[in-house]
Amino acid sequence: MVVEEPIGPLHPAVEAVLRAIEQLRRRPRTHREPDELTAELRGLRRGQDLLELEFAATAAQFSRTEEYEEQGSVSPIDWIRHHCKMSSSAVWGSVAVGEHLADLPRSVEAVESGEIGYAHLTLMARTADALQGSSTAAPFEETELLEKAREFSVGRLWHFCHHLRHALDPEGFTAEQKRATEERSLKLSPCEDGTLLLEGWLDSVGGAALRSALEPLALPNGDHDERGREHRNADALVEIVTHVQDAGSLPQRPHLQVTASLDTLRGLAGSPAGDMEYALPVSAETVRRLACDGTITRVVLSPESVVIDVGRARRVVAGPTRRALAARDGHCRWPHCDRPASWSDAHHVIHWSKGGETDLSNMVLLCHRHHWMAHEGGWQLVQTAEGEVLTVPPRPPGLARAADVDDPVEAARRFAQQLTPARAP
């Protein structure tokens, strides 16, 4: 016997809707022609979208009360999730729509008229929420998003929203990716029978690197391969590790294809994010790091995002230049880091997209972690004439960017002295 939770007093209009739904569910479902089914699907979806709008407005109004606390919930999101039997992401989407109805009046009208779906509106509201909640973002305006929503599927609009966020708030977009990277974790738990339990979290870029390495080896292989997807993924991971151990070599960097405009590489304002296989769009700074020393497939986009040129994959720093750099530096040049050259990237002190040359005088070896710090992490590297590498934390006083001062080496040294505690006589 199922005991339903009492709903409570309802507005007559809501009661009428529930009665109409019950009547709908009692209709005959047999002997319906395909054209009847398609019409019903579209009509039912339209009705659900309109009900979702009402639910969103009510959820937002409820979130501004203290009723959830009086009923013992920690937040309005938690109360709605529990009592309305929803997932947290669905609740967040509903509240976001309800909170931004006034910011999206034309988009709401488009849902009401059936031009776009409620799922489109949810993405638009979440985008507005992210941009309006950032102190570094340009003002949000619904016109461009609404035009894309009328044209795009929900999946394509979801992708476009990330590009729009990057264009309007590159600093906030990069900071969000930085937080995700710093939250990477991998827990290895040995079990009594010798098996190993893996539990982890990877950011978008790390996840794309892992997937691009696993995908070719996780395909069904040969006859009678009845392994499930998860089984093949696990076998592929073990195969990679075993191959590296057998060969006595270190893992090669996965050859990720990154598609970006020249404006993105140059970091120009309003440029779109970069696209990476198996991942969400990535920030311009991530694109520059991956393009600093990787196997790059050149994909050049026009201002209208039309592919106008595709070149074959090549390594940015290769051959004699890479060998000379490894011989000169020997290991990661970040202070007190001894990661060997084979574990390090060639970092352009002045990136090649900004006119820096791919020669020894403009490059240093950095391990993966320190290469990330020099790009997404916001650190600056300054190289002296003698080859000494000076590191400067993000946005230090007196040295906003090394390229913006007359003597960056002296500025970096002064800042380093400020950080060094005075020694007792």
Protein backbone atom coordinates (compact mmCIF):
# COMPACT_ATOMS: atom_id res chain seq x y z
CA MET A 1 0.00 0.00 0.00
CA VAL A 2 1.42 3.39 -1.07
CA VAL A 3 0.71 6.31 1.24
CA GLU A 4 0.94 9.63 -0.57
CA GLU A 5 2.24 12.71 1.21
CA PRO A 6 -0.60 15.22 1.67
CA ILE A 7 -0.18 18.17 -0.67
CA GLY A 8 -2.14 20.77 1.28
CA PRO A 9 -4.62 23.45 0.22
CA LEU A 10 -4.58 24.18 -3.51
CA HIS A 11 -5.78 27.05 -5.61
CA PRO A 12 -8.92 26.09 -7.58
CA ALA A 13 -7.01 26.59 -10.83
CA VAL A 14 -4.35 24.07 -9.76
CA GLU A 15 -7.04 21.61 -8.73
CA ALA A 16 -8.64 22.04 -12.14
CA VAL A 17 -5.32 21.32 -13.86
CA LEU A 18 -4.86 18.13 -11.82
CA ARG A 19 -8.39 16.98 -12.67
CA ALA A 20 -7.76 17.68 -16.36
CA ILE A 21 -4.54 15.64 -16.22
CA GLU A 22 -6.40 12.72 -14.64
CA GLN A 23 -8.98 12.92 -17.42
CA LEU A 24 -6.18 13.03 -19.99
CA ARG A 25 -4.56 9.90 -18.55
CA ARG A 26 -7.86 7.98 -18.79
CA ARG A 27 -8.18 8.56 -22.54
CA PRO A 28 -7.91 5.55 -24.90
CA ARG A 29 -4.32 4.92 -26.04
CA THR A 30 -4.92 2.26 -28.66
CA HIS A 31 -5.40 2.46 -32.41
CA ARG A 32 -3.78 5.87 -32.77
CA GLU A 33 -2.26 6.82 -36.11
CA PRO A 34 1.33 8.13 -36.32
CA ASP A 35 0.15 11.65 -37.14
CA GLU A 36 -2.05 11.58 -34.01
CA LEU A 37 0.91 10.46 -31.91
CA THR A 38 3.15 13.24 -33.22
CA ALA A 39 0.45 15.84 -32.59
CA GLU A 40 -0.08 14.56 -29.04
CA LEU A 41 3.65 14.55 -28.31
CA ARG A 42 3.99 18.16 -29.38
CA GLY A 43 0.84 19.19 -27.52
CA LEU A 44 1.85 17.39 -24.32
CA ARG A 45 5.33 18.91 -24.47
CA ARG A 46 3.81 22.36 -24.93
CA GLY A 47 1.61 21.82 -21.90
CA GLN A 48 4.56 20.60 -19.83
CA ASP A 49 6.60 23.67 -20.80
CA LEU A 50 3.81 25.98 -19.67
CA LEU A 51 3.48 24.07 -16.38
CA GLU A 52 7.26 24.29 -15.93
CA LEU A 53 7.02 28.07 -16.27
CA GLU A 54 4.41 28.17 -13.52
CA PHE A 55 6.48 25.84 -11.35
CA ALA A 56 9.60 28.00 -11.84
CA ALA A 57 7.80 31.20 -10.85
CA THR A 58 6.37 29.50 -7.76
CA ALA A 59 9.72 27.93 -6.82
CA ALA A 60 11.48 31.29 -6.99
CA GLN A 61 8.77 32.90 -4.87
CA PHE A 62 9.04 30.07 -2.32
CA SER A 63 12.84 30.42 -2.15
CA ARG A 64 12.39 33.99 -0.90
CA THR A 65 10.40 32.82 2.14
CA GLU A 66 11.56 31.20 5.38
CA GLU A 67 9.10 28.31 5.16
CA TYR A 68 11.82 25.78 4.29
CA GLU A 69 13.67 26.59 7.52
CA GLU A 70 10.52 26.29 9.62
CA GLN A 71 10.02 22.81 8.15
CA GLY A 72 13.55 21.72 9.01
CA SER A 73 15.28 21.97 5.62
CA VAL A 74 18.69 23.54 5.19
CA SER A 75 17.73 25.49 2.06
CA PRO A 76 14.78 26.07 -0.26
CA ILE A 77 16.59 23.97 -2.88
CA ASP A 78 16.78 21.07 -0.44
CA TRP A 79 13.09 21.41 0.49
CA ILE A 80 11.95 21.45 -3.14
CA ARG A 81 14.26 18.57 -4.02
CA HIS A 82 12.84 16.42 -1.24
CA HIS A 83 9.15 17.33 -1.31
CA CYS A 84 8.80 17.68 -5.08
CA LYS A 85 10.94 14.58 -5.73
CA MET A 86 13.41 16.28 -8.07
CA SER A 87 17.14 16.23 -8.66
CA SER A 88 19.24 19.12 -7.37
CA SER A 89 20.17 20.25 -10.89
CA ALA A 90 16.49 20.32 -11.93
CA VAL A 91 15.61 22.41 -8.88
CA TRP A 92 18.46 24.85 -9.53
CA GLY A 93 17.24 25.20 -13.12
CA SER A 94 13.67 25.93 -12.02
CA VAL A 95 14.72 28.51 -9.44
CA ALA A 96 17.07 30.16 -11.95
CA VAL A 97 14.25 30.50 -14.47
CA GLY A 98 11.91 31.89 -11.83
CA GLU A 99 14.49 34.41 -10.62
CA HIS A 100 15.23 35.65 -14.14
CA LEU A 101 11.75 35.87 -15.64
CA ALA A 102 12.03 39.66 -15.62
CA ASP A 103 15.41 39.50 -17.41
CA LEU A 104 14.08 37.22 -20.15
CA PRO A 105 10.62 38.60 -21.06
CA ARG A 106 10.87 37.92 -24.79
CA SER A 107 12.21 34.43 -24.18
CA VAL A 108 9.32 33.65 -21.84
CA GLU A 109 6.92 34.80 -24.57
CA ALA A 110 8.75 32.51 -27.00
CA VAL A 111 8.15 29.54 -24.68
CA GLU A 112 4.50 30.48 -24.29
CA SER A 113 4.07 30.67 -28.08
CA GLY A 114 5.96 27.42 -28.65
CA GLU A 115 8.88 29.02 -30.54
CA ILE A 116 11.41 27.58 -28.06
CA GLY A 117 11.20 24.99 -25.34
CA TYR A 118 11.43 25.35 -21.60
CA ALA A 119 14.77 23.51 -21.73
CA HIS A 120 16.13 26.36 -23.87
CA LEU A 121 14.90 28.87 -21.30
CA THR A 122 16.59 26.96 -18.47
CA LEU A 123 19.98 27.23 -20.21
CA MET A 124 19.42 30.93 -20.83
CA ALA A 125 18.47 31.56 -17.20
CA ARG A 126 21.49 29.65 -15.89
CA THR A 127 23.71 31.70 -18.21
CA ALA A 128 22.15 34.94 -17.01
CA ASP A 129 22.60 33.77 -13.42
CA ALA A 130 26.31 33.05 -13.95
CA LEU A 131 27.03 36.34 -15.72
CA GLN A 132 25.04 38.53 -13.34
CA GLY A 133 26.70 36.81 -10.39
CA SER A 134 30.18 37.67 -11.66
CA SER A 135 31.88 40.97 -10.88
CA THR A 136 33.99 40.73 -14.06
CA ALA A 137 31.26 40.01 -16.63
CA ALA A 138 29.84 42.33 -19.25
CA PRO A 139 26.10 43.09 -18.93
CA PHE A 140 23.77 40.25 -19.88
CA GLU A 141 21.36 40.80 -22.78
CA GLU A 142 18.90 38.19 -24.00
CA THR A 143 18.63 39.13 -27.69
CA GLU A 144 21.51 37.04 -29.07
CA LEU A 145 20.65 34.05 -26.89
CA LEU A 146 17.01 34.14 -27.96
CA GLU A 147 18.00 34.23 -31.63
CA LYS A 148 20.21 31.19 -31.11
CA ALA A 149 17.52 29.39 -29.10
CA ARG A 150 15.09 29.77 -31.99
CA GLU A 151 17.70 28.26 -34.32
CA PHE A 152 19.53 25.71 -32.15
CA SER A 153 18.63 22.46 -30.49
CA VAL A 154 18.97 22.38 -26.71
CA GLY A 155 22.33 20.61 -27.05
CA ARG A 156 23.74 23.21 -29.44
CA LEU A 157 22.45 26.06 -27.29
CA TRP A 158 24.11 24.51 -24.22
CA HIS A 159 27.40 24.56 -26.12
CA PHE A 160 26.85 28.14 -27.34
CA CYS A 161 26.11 29.33 -23.79
CA HIS A 162 29.63 28.34 -22.73
CA HIS A 163 31.09 30.33 -25.63
CA LEU A 164 28.94 33.33 -24.74
CA ARG A 165 30.03 33.18 -21.11
CA HIS A 166 33.66 33.14 -22.24
CA ALA A 167 33.11 36.09 -24.56
CA LEU A 168 31.35 38.18 -21.90
CA ASP A 169 33.38 37.04 -18.88
CA PRO A 170 36.75 35.49 -19.84
CA GLU A 171 38.18 36.13 -16.38
CA GLY A 172 35.28 34.47 -14.58
CA PHE A 173 35.25 31.60 -17.09
CA THR A 174 38.96 30.95 -16.49
CA ALA A 175 38.53 31.22 -12.71
CA GLU A 176 35.77 28.60 -12.81
CA GLN A 177 38.03 26.23 -14.76
CA LYS A 178 40.85 26.97 -12.33
CA ARG A 179 38.67 25.95 -9.37
CA ALA A 180 37.69 22.74 -11.13
CA THR A 181 41.34 21.89 -11.84
CA GLU A 182 42.35 22.54 -8.24
CA GLU A 183 39.61 20.15 -7.10
CA ARG A 184 41.01 17.19 -9.05
CA SER A 185 41.21 14.08 -6.90
CA LEU A 186 41.89 10.37 -7.27
CA LYS A 187 41.37 8.03 -4.35
CA LEU A 188 42.88 4.54 -4.58
CA SER A 189 41.42 2.07 -2.07
CA PRO A 190 43.00 -1.41 -1.97
CA CYS A 191 40.49 -4.14 -1.11
CA GLU A 192 41.13 -7.26 0.92
CA ASP A 193 41.15 -9.50 -2.15
CA GLY A 194 43.83 -7.39 -3.85
CA THR A 195 41.48 -5.47 -6.13
CA LEU A 196 41.64 -1.69 -6.28
CA LEU A 197 38.72 0.72 -5.99
CA LEU A 198 39.11 4.00 -7.88
CA GLU A 199 37.14 7.07 -6.90
CA GLY A 200 37.96 10.39 -8.47
CA TRP A 201 37.02 13.72 -9.95
CA LEU A 202 38.57 15.35 -13.01
CA ASP A 203 37.98 18.76 -14.49
CA SER A 204 36.90 19.12 -18.12
CA VAL A 205 40.42 19.32 -19.56
CA GLY A 206 41.73 16.44 -17.46
CA GLY A 207 38.70 14.35 -18.33
CA ALA A 208 39.19 15.06 -22.05
CA ALA A 209 42.84 14.00 -21.85
CA LEU A 210 41.89 10.73 -20.15
CA ARG A 211 39.07 9.98 -22.57
CA SER A 212 41.17 10.76 -25.65
CA ALA A 213 43.80 8.29 -24.39
CA LEU A 214 41.26 5.57 -23.56
CA GLU A 215 38.84 5.87 -26.51
CA PRO A 216 40.99 4.17 -29.21
CA LEU A 217 41.80 1.25 -26.91
CA ALA A 218 38.28 0.92 -25.49
CA LEU A 219 36.64 0.01 -28.81
CA PRO A 220 35.35 -3.57 -29.28
CA ASN A 221 38.33 -5.59 -30.45
CA GLY A 222 38.13 -8.71 -32.60
CA ASP A 223 35.49 -11.39 -32.73
CA HIS A 224 33.44 -12.38 -29.69
CA ASP A 225 34.22 -9.20 -27.77
CA GLU A 226 31.24 -9.10 -25.44
CA ARG A 227 32.73 -6.76 -22.85
CA GLY A 228 30.56 -3.87 -21.71
CA ARG A 229 31.62 -0.24 -22.08
CA GLU A 230 32.87 0.08 -18.49
CA HIS A 231 34.82 -3.17 -18.80
CA ARG A 232 36.55 -1.97 -21.99
CA ASN A 233 37.43 1.36 -20.35
CA ALA A 234 39.04 -0.45 -17.42
CA ASP A 235 40.95 -2.78 -19.75
CA ALA A 236 42.16 0.19 -21.81
CA LEU A 237 43.49 1.96 -18.72
CA VAL A 238 45.38 -1.15 -17.61
CA GLU A 239 46.70 -1.64 -21.16
CA ILE A 240 48.13 1.88 -21.28
CA VAL A 241 49.86 1.53 -17.92
CA THR A 242 51.18 -1.95 -18.74
CA HIS A 243 52.51 -0.83 -22.12
CA VAL A 244 54.40 2.07 -20.56
CA GLN A 245 55.93 -0.21 -17.95
CA ASP A 246 56.90 -2.86 -20.51
CA ALA A 247 58.43 -0.28 -22.85
CA GLY A 248 60.26 1.50 -20.04
CA SER A 249 58.96 4.84 -21.27
CA LEU A 250 56.81 7.58 -19.83
CA PRO A 251 53.22 8.23 -20.92
CA GLN A 252 52.91 10.31 -24.06
CA ARG A 253 50.71 13.34 -23.95
CA PRO A 254 47.33 12.53 -25.56
CA HIS A 255 47.00 14.21 -28.94
CA LEU A 256 44.00 16.42 -28.31
CA GLN A 257 42.50 18.36 -31.17
CA VAL A 258 41.70 21.90 -30.07
CA THR A 259 39.75 24.15 -32.41
CA ALA A 260 40.00 27.88 -31.78
CA SER A 261 39.98 31.16 -33.63
CA LEU A 262 43.10 33.28 -33.95
CA ASP A 263 41.35 35.89 -31.78
CA THR A 264 41.05 33.30 -29.00
CA LEU A 265 44.74 32.44 -29.21
CA ARG A 266 45.58 36.12 -29.03
CA GLY A 267 43.24 36.61 -26.05
CA LEU A 268 41.22 39.40 -27.69
CA ALA A 269 38.14 40.67 -25.86
CA GLY A 270 34.90 39.02 -26.93
CA SER A 271 36.60 36.01 -28.51
CA PRO A 272 34.88 32.61 -28.18
CA ALA A 273 36.22 29.78 -26.08
CA GLY A 274 38.19 26.91 -27.63
CA ASP A 275 36.53 23.61 -28.53
CA MET A 276 38.04 20.32 -27.40
CA GLU A 277 36.90 16.79 -28.15
CA TYR A 278 35.30 15.04 -25.14
CA ALA A 279 35.13 18.28 -23.17
CA LEU A 280 33.18 21.48 -22.68
CA PRO A 281 34.61 24.63 -24.29
CA VAL A 282 37.87 25.66 -22.65
CA SER A 283 39.25 29.09 -21.84
CA ALA A 284 41.64 31.01 -24.07
CA GLU A 285 44.41 30.52 -21.53
CA THR A 286 43.95 26.75 -21.66
CA VAL A 287 44.10 26.87 -25.46
CA ARG A 288 47.39 28.78 -25.28
CA ARG A 289 48.88 26.24 -22.85
CA LEU A 290 47.89 23.29 -25.02
CA ALA A 291 49.24 25.11 -28.09
CA CYS A 292 52.49 25.99 -26.32
CA ASP A 293 54.06 22.55 -26.79
CA GLY A 294 51.75 19.91 -28.13
CA THR A 295 50.86 18.03 -31.25
CA ILE A 296 48.66 20.61 -32.94
CA THR A 297 46.17 20.06 -35.74
CA ARG A 298 45.78 23.49 -37.28
CA VAL A 299 42.10 24.43 -37.63
CA VAL A 300 41.66 28.06 -38.69
CA LEU A 301 38.21 29.62 -38.33
CA SER A 302 36.85 32.69 -40.09
CA PRO A 303 35.05 35.41 -38.09
CA GLU A 304 31.80 33.59 -39.00
CA SER A 305 33.17 30.36 -37.43
CA VAL A 306 33.57 28.70 -40.84
CA VAL A 307 36.53 26.34 -41.17
CA ILE A 308 38.78 27.85 -43.84
CA ASP A 309 41.95 25.81 -43.38
CA VAL A 310 42.96 22.52 -41.76
CA GLY A 311 46.60 21.48 -41.51
CA ARG A 312 48.10 18.17 -40.61
CA ALA A 313 49.08 17.41 -37.02
CA ARG A 314 52.56 18.56 -36.04
CA ARG A 315 54.41 19.16 -32.83
CA VAL A 316 55.06 22.80 -32.04
CA VAL A 317 58.51 22.18 -30.56
CA ALA A 318 60.18 19.14 -32.11
CA GLY A 319 63.40 17.74 -33.53
CA PRO A 320 66.71 19.52 -32.87
CA THR A 321 65.04 22.43 -31.06
CA ARG A 322 63.39 20.11 -28.53
CA ARG A 323 66.62 18.12 -28.02
CA ALA A 324 68.64 21.31 -27.54
CA LEU A 325 66.09 22.64 -25.03
CA ALA A 326 66.19 19.36 -23.07
CA ALA A 327 70.00 19.40 -23.07
CA ARG A 328 70.15 23.04 -21.91
CA ASP A 329 67.51 22.92 -19.15
CA GLY A 330 67.67 19.26 -18.14
CA HIS A 331 64.52 19.54 -16.02
CA CYS A 332 61.60 21.83 -15.22
CA ARG A 333 62.97 25.34 -14.74
CA TRP A 334 60.47 26.32 -12.07
CA PRO A 335 62.48 27.07 -8.94
CA HIS A 336 63.27 23.97 -6.90
CA CYS A 337 61.46 21.62 -9.30
CA ASP A 338 63.50 18.71 -10.63
CA ARG A 339 60.97 16.99 -12.87
CA PRO A 340 63.05 15.59 -15.78
CA ALA A 341 62.87 16.96 -19.30
CA SER A 342 60.88 13.97 -20.54
CA TRP A 343 58.10 14.92 -18.09
CA SER A 344 58.14 18.59 -19.11
CA ASP A 345 56.64 20.87 -21.76
CA ALA A 346 58.40 23.55 -23.78
CA HIS A 347 56.88 26.81 -22.53
CA HIS A 348 57.06 29.96 -24.64
CA VAL A 349 57.90 32.86 -22.32
CA ILE A 350 56.19 35.06 -24.94
CA HIS A 351 53.57 32.88 -26.60
CA TRP A 352 53.98 32.30 -30.34
CA SER A 353 50.41 33.58 -30.94
CA LYS A 354 51.62 36.94 -29.60
CA GLY A 355 54.76 37.09 -31.73
CA GLY A 356 57.11 35.05 -29.56
CA GLU A 357 59.67 32.96 -31.45
CA THR A 358 59.96 29.19 -31.14
CA ASP A 359 63.66 29.28 -30.33
CA LEU A 360 65.80 28.55 -27.27
CA SER A 361 65.98 32.17 -26.14
CA ASN A 362 62.18 32.32 -25.73
CA MET A 363 61.55 28.86 -24.24
CA VAL A 364 61.98 27.07 -20.93
CA LEU A 365 61.01 23.60 -19.78
CA LEU A 366 58.09 23.41 -17.35
CA CYS A 367 56.50 20.29 -15.88
CA HIS A 368 52.76 19.83 -16.45
CA ARG A 369 51.76 21.36 -13.12
CA HIS A 370 53.98 24.42 -13.46
CA HIS A 371 53.02 24.88 -17.11
CA TRP A 372 49.39 25.11 -15.98
CA MET A 373 50.39 27.63 -13.29
CA ALA A 374 52.11 29.78 -15.94
CA HIS A 375 48.90 29.90 -18.00
CA GLU A 376 45.59 29.29 -16.23
CA GLY A 377 47.15 29.84 -12.79
CA GLY A 378 48.04 33.43 -13.67
CA TRP A 379 51.73 33.24 -12.71
CA GLN A 380 54.28 35.14 -14.78
CA LEU A 381 57.71 33.97 -15.83
CA VAL A 382 60.52 36.43 -16.51
CA GLN A 383 63.82 35.23 -17.96
CA THR A 384 67.01 37.19 -17.40
CA ALA A 385 69.79 37.60 -19.95
CA GLU A 386 71.78 34.98 -18.04
CA GLY A 387 68.91 32.47 -18.40
CA GLU A 388 67.67 32.69 -14.80
CA VAL A 389 63.91 32.16 -14.53
CA LEU A 390 62.02 34.42 -12.13
CA THR A 391 58.47 33.54 -11.11
CA VAL A 392 55.89 36.09 -10.06
CA PRO A 393 52.55 35.18 -8.38
CA PRO A 394 49.27 36.26 -9.99
CA ARG A 395 48.67 40.02 -10.09
CA PRO A 396 51.37 41.19 -7.69
CA PRO A 397 51.52 44.85 -6.66
CA GLY A 398 53.67 46.80 -9.10
CA LEU A 399 53.81 44.11 -11.77
CA ALA A 400 50.36 43.58 -13.32
CA ARG A 401 51.99 42.10 -16.43
CA ALA A 402 55.68 41.73 -17.17
CA ALA A 403 55.11 42.98 -20.71
CA ASP A 404 53.62 46.25 -19.44
CA VAL A 405 56.73 47.58 -17.67
CA ASP A 406 60.01 48.86 -19.05
CA ASP A 407 62.23 46.52 -17.05
CA PRO A 408 60.28 43.35 -16.16
CA VAL A 409 63.39 41.62 -14.74
CA GLU A 410 64.00 44.41 -12.23
CA ALA A 411 60.31 44.55 -11.36
CA ALA A 412 60.26 40.80 -10.75
CA ARG A 413 63.38 40.98 -8.57
CA ARG A 414 61.86 43.80 -6.49
CA PHE A 415 58.73 41.81 -5.94
CA ALA A 416 60.72 38.71 -4.97
CA GLN A 417 62.57 40.79 -2.38
CA GLN A 418 59.24 41.97 -0.94
CA LEU A 419 58.27 38.34 -0.40
CA THR A 420 61.59 37.39 1.23
CA PRO A 421 61.50 37.90 5.04
CA ALA A 422 64.18 40.23 6.39
CA ARG A 423 67.06 38.30 7.94
CA ALA A 424 68.14 39.06 11.49
CA PRO A 425 71.66 40.58 11.77
